[in-house]
Amino acid sequence: MQLNLNRTIKDLFENANHDEPANHWTRDWSTVSSLHVSLPEARQERLCSLFLRLSSVFEAGIYFQQDSKGQWQQLLCFNRGVVKNPTANSLEGPVGRGIFSQVQKTEHHKWTKMFARFFPTDLEKVTVYRIQLCTDTFILVADRLPDPWMKKLMADTHERILLGIP
């Protein structure tokens, strides 16, 4: 009996990290307080830098910019700290207008559906927020944090973003 118990405990320890994703990501809360510090002067680089810094704060994000034809393009995305060029480039259908001075929590299935590749098993637990950086640029960030923590995180993040945009 003791031998079986020891074997079972050993198996548990050996298999403990098998469910851990290959990219182990840890949220860096301290990034929020310095989002607006030491940003590039050029507008486009400044906005991209703000977005990239969010990759250590939120689980997933997508960066959109409107092109000269009025189409919204997905330029960058991140998932658990890994930044990529998105696979789908153009955003279909109406986007609506974001409000620069507000963070908009979105319940719209279109936005949530965009994050399905990042949260394949628990998409219903994801909250998506839209942050309008300027008239031709907005970002979506998504996370599974419980509402009280998410509200505080979004308020602090938005405050720092406003300080970082000229």
Protein backbone atom coordinates (compact mmCIF):
# COMPACT_ATOMS: atom_id res chain seq x y z
CA MET A 1 0.00 0.00 0.00
CA GLN A 2 2.80 2.43 0.93
CA LEU A 3 4.55 1.65 -2.36
CA ASN A 4 1.37 2.43 -4.35
CA LEU A 5 0.89 5.70 -2.46
CA ASN A 6 4.50 6.75 -3.10
CA ARG A 7 4.11 5.88 -6.79
CA THR A 8 0.87 7.89 -7.02
CA ILE A 9 2.44 10.95 -5.34
CA LYS A 10 5.49 10.67 -7.60
CA ASP A 11 3.22 10.50 -10.67
CA LEU A 12 1.33 13.61 -9.52
CA PHE A 13 4.52 15.62 -9.15
CA GLU A 14 5.92 14.44 -12.48
CA ASN A 15 2.72 15.31 -14.32
CA ALA A 16 1.93 18.54 -12.47
CA ASN A 17 3.09 20.89 -15.22
CA HIS A 18 1.66 19.08 -18.24
CA ASP A 19 -1.34 21.41 -18.38
CA GLU A 20 0.90 24.48 -18.28
CA PRO A 21 1.07 26.27 -21.65
CA ALA A 22 4.39 26.27 -23.46
CA ASN A 23 4.55 30.03 -23.03
CA HIS A 24 4.20 30.53 -19.29
CA TRP A 25 2.99 34.10 -18.89
CA THR A 26 2.91 36.13 -15.71
CA ARG A 27 0.95 39.37 -15.48
CA ASP A 28 3.14 42.36 -14.67
CA TRP A 29 0.94 44.78 -12.73
CA SER A 30 3.80 47.28 -12.38
CA THR A 31 3.80 47.95 -16.14
CA VAL A 32 0.57 49.95 -15.83
CA SER A 33 2.16 52.72 -13.77
CA SER A 34 4.81 53.36 -16.43
CA LEU A 35 2.79 52.89 -19.63
CA HIS A 36 3.17 56.55 -20.56
CA VAL A 37 6.90 56.91 -19.71
CA SER A 38 9.68 57.14 -22.33
CA LEU A 39 7.50 56.74 -25.39
CA PRO A 40 8.79 57.55 -28.90
CA GLU A 41 7.97 61.01 -30.27
CA ALA A 42 6.52 59.87 -33.62
CA ARG A 43 2.76 59.32 -33.36
CA GLN A 44 2.54 55.84 -34.94
CA GLU A 45 5.49 54.47 -32.97
CA ARG A 46 4.08 55.99 -29.79
CA LEU A 47 0.70 54.28 -30.23
CA CYS A 48 2.33 50.94 -31.12
CA SER A 49 4.60 51.19 -28.08
CA LEU A 50 1.62 51.80 -25.80
CA PHE A 51 -0.11 48.74 -27.25
CA LEU A 52 2.97 46.52 -26.96
CA ARG A 53 3.41 47.45 -23.30
CA LEU A 54 -0.10 46.17 -22.64
CA SER A 55 1.03 42.65 -23.61
CA SER A 56 2.45 42.18 -20.12
CA VAL A 57 -0.76 43.41 -18.48
CA PHE A 58 -3.65 41.79 -20.41
CA GLU A 59 -4.02 38.25 -21.66
CA ALA A 60 -4.75 39.23 -25.27
CA GLY A 61 -5.03 42.31 -27.44
CA ILE A 62 -5.54 43.44 -31.03
CA TYR A 63 -4.34 46.75 -32.52
CA PHE A 64 -6.45 48.30 -35.32
CA GLN A 65 -5.69 51.19 -37.63
CA GLN A 66 -7.84 52.67 -40.37
CA ASP A 67 -6.17 52.76 -43.77
CA SER A 68 -6.53 55.43 -46.46
CA LYS A 69 -9.56 53.58 -47.93
CA GLY A 70 -11.39 53.66 -44.60
CA GLN A 71 -10.90 49.93 -43.91
CA TRP A 72 -9.87 48.84 -40.42
CA GLN A 73 -6.72 46.73 -40.44
CA GLN A 74 -5.45 44.48 -37.66
CA LEU A 75 -1.78 45.40 -37.44
CA LEU A 76 -0.64 43.60 -34.31
CA CYS A 77 -1.96 41.21 -31.73
CA PHE A 78 -0.66 39.59 -28.58
CA ASN A 79 -1.56 36.55 -26.58
CA ARG A 80 -0.11 35.96 -23.10
CA GLY A 81 2.92 38.14 -23.81
CA VAL A 82 3.68 36.88 -27.32
CA VAL A 83 3.26 39.57 -30.00
CA LYS A 84 2.37 38.53 -33.56
CA ASN A 85 1.15 39.86 -36.85
CA PRO A 86 -2.49 38.77 -37.03
CA THR A 87 -3.60 36.16 -39.54
CA ALA A 88 -6.74 38.05 -40.58
CA ASN A 89 -5.91 41.55 -41.75
CA SER A 90 -9.15 43.31 -42.60
CA LEU A 91 -12.04 43.88 -40.23
CA GLU A 92 -15.41 43.07 -41.79
CA GLY A 93 -18.60 45.00 -41.15
CA PRO A 94 -19.25 48.22 -39.24
CA VAL A 95 -16.84 49.06 -36.46
CA GLY A 96 -18.74 51.89 -34.83
CA ARG A 97 -17.16 54.88 -33.19
CA GLY A 98 -15.16 54.65 -30.06
CA ILE A 99 -15.17 57.46 -27.52
CA PHE A 100 -11.68 58.77 -26.88
CA SER A 101 -12.26 59.73 -23.25
CA GLN A 102 -13.77 56.36 -22.28
CA VAL A 103 -12.98 52.68 -22.12
CA GLN A 104 -15.87 50.72 -23.58
CA LYS A 105 -16.67 47.29 -22.24
CA THR A 106 -18.11 45.43 -25.16
CA GLU A 107 -20.59 42.59 -25.10
CA HIS A 108 -20.76 42.41 -28.88
CA HIS A 109 -20.15 38.90 -30.17
CA LYS A 110 -18.04 40.23 -33.07
CA TRP A 111 -15.32 41.43 -30.72
CA THR A 112 -15.47 38.42 -28.45
CA LYS A 113 -15.36 36.09 -31.46
CA MET A 114 -12.11 37.71 -32.59
CA PHE A 115 -10.46 36.38 -29.44
CA ALA A 116 -11.68 32.80 -29.92
CA ARG A 117 -8.25 31.71 -31.15
CA PHE A 118 -6.71 32.98 -27.90
CA PHE A 119 -9.32 31.51 -25.52
CA PRO A 120 -10.60 28.38 -27.27
CA THR A 121 -11.97 26.65 -24.17
CA ASP A 122 -13.40 29.43 -22.04
CA LEU A 123 -14.37 32.29 -24.33
CA GLU A 124 -17.55 32.91 -22.32
CA LYS A 125 -15.40 34.03 -19.36
CA VAL A 126 -13.54 36.66 -21.39
CA THR A 127 -14.29 40.36 -21.07
CA VAL A 128 -13.33 42.55 -24.03
CA TYR A 129 -12.64 46.29 -23.79
CA ARG A 130 -12.25 48.80 -26.60
CA ILE A 131 -9.88 51.72 -26.12
CA GLN A 132 -9.93 54.43 -28.80
CA LEU A 133 -6.39 55.83 -29.05
CA CYS A 134 -7.27 58.41 -31.71
CA THR A 135 -9.74 58.78 -34.60
CA ASP A 136 -7.97 56.21 -36.80
CA THR A 137 -6.59 53.81 -34.17
CA PHE A 138 -8.18 51.65 -31.49
CA ILE A 139 -7.25 48.58 -29.51
CA LEU A 140 -9.16 45.71 -28.02
CA VAL A 141 -7.88 44.01 -24.90
CA ALA A 142 -9.32 40.83 -23.45
CA ASP A 143 -8.91 39.13 -20.12
CA ARG A 144 -10.54 36.67 -17.73
CA LEU A 145 -9.94 38.67 -14.56
CA PRO A 146 -12.96 38.93 -12.24
CA ASP A 147 -14.89 42.17 -12.63
CA PRO A 148 -13.66 44.03 -9.50
CA TRP A 149 -10.00 43.60 -10.50
CA MET A 150 -10.73 44.29 -14.16
CA LYS A 151 -12.48 47.58 -13.38
CA LYS A 152 -9.50 48.81 -11.36
CA LEU A 153 -7.02 47.61 -13.98
CA MET A 154 -8.92 49.29 -16.82
CA ALA A 155 -9.27 52.58 -14.93
CA ASP A 156 -5.53 52.69 -14.16
CA THR A 157 -4.59 51.62 -17.69
CA HIS A 158 -6.83 54.19 -19.34
CA GLU A 159 -5.48 56.98 -17.14
CA ARG A 160 -1.90 56.13 -18.17
CA ILE A 161 -2.81 55.80 -21.84
CA LEU A 162 -4.34 59.29 -21.80
CA LEU A 163 -1.09 60.61 -20.32
CA GLY A 164 0.86 58.91 -23.10
CA ILE A 165 -1.12 60.26 -26.04
CA PRO A 166 -0.29 63.82 -27.13
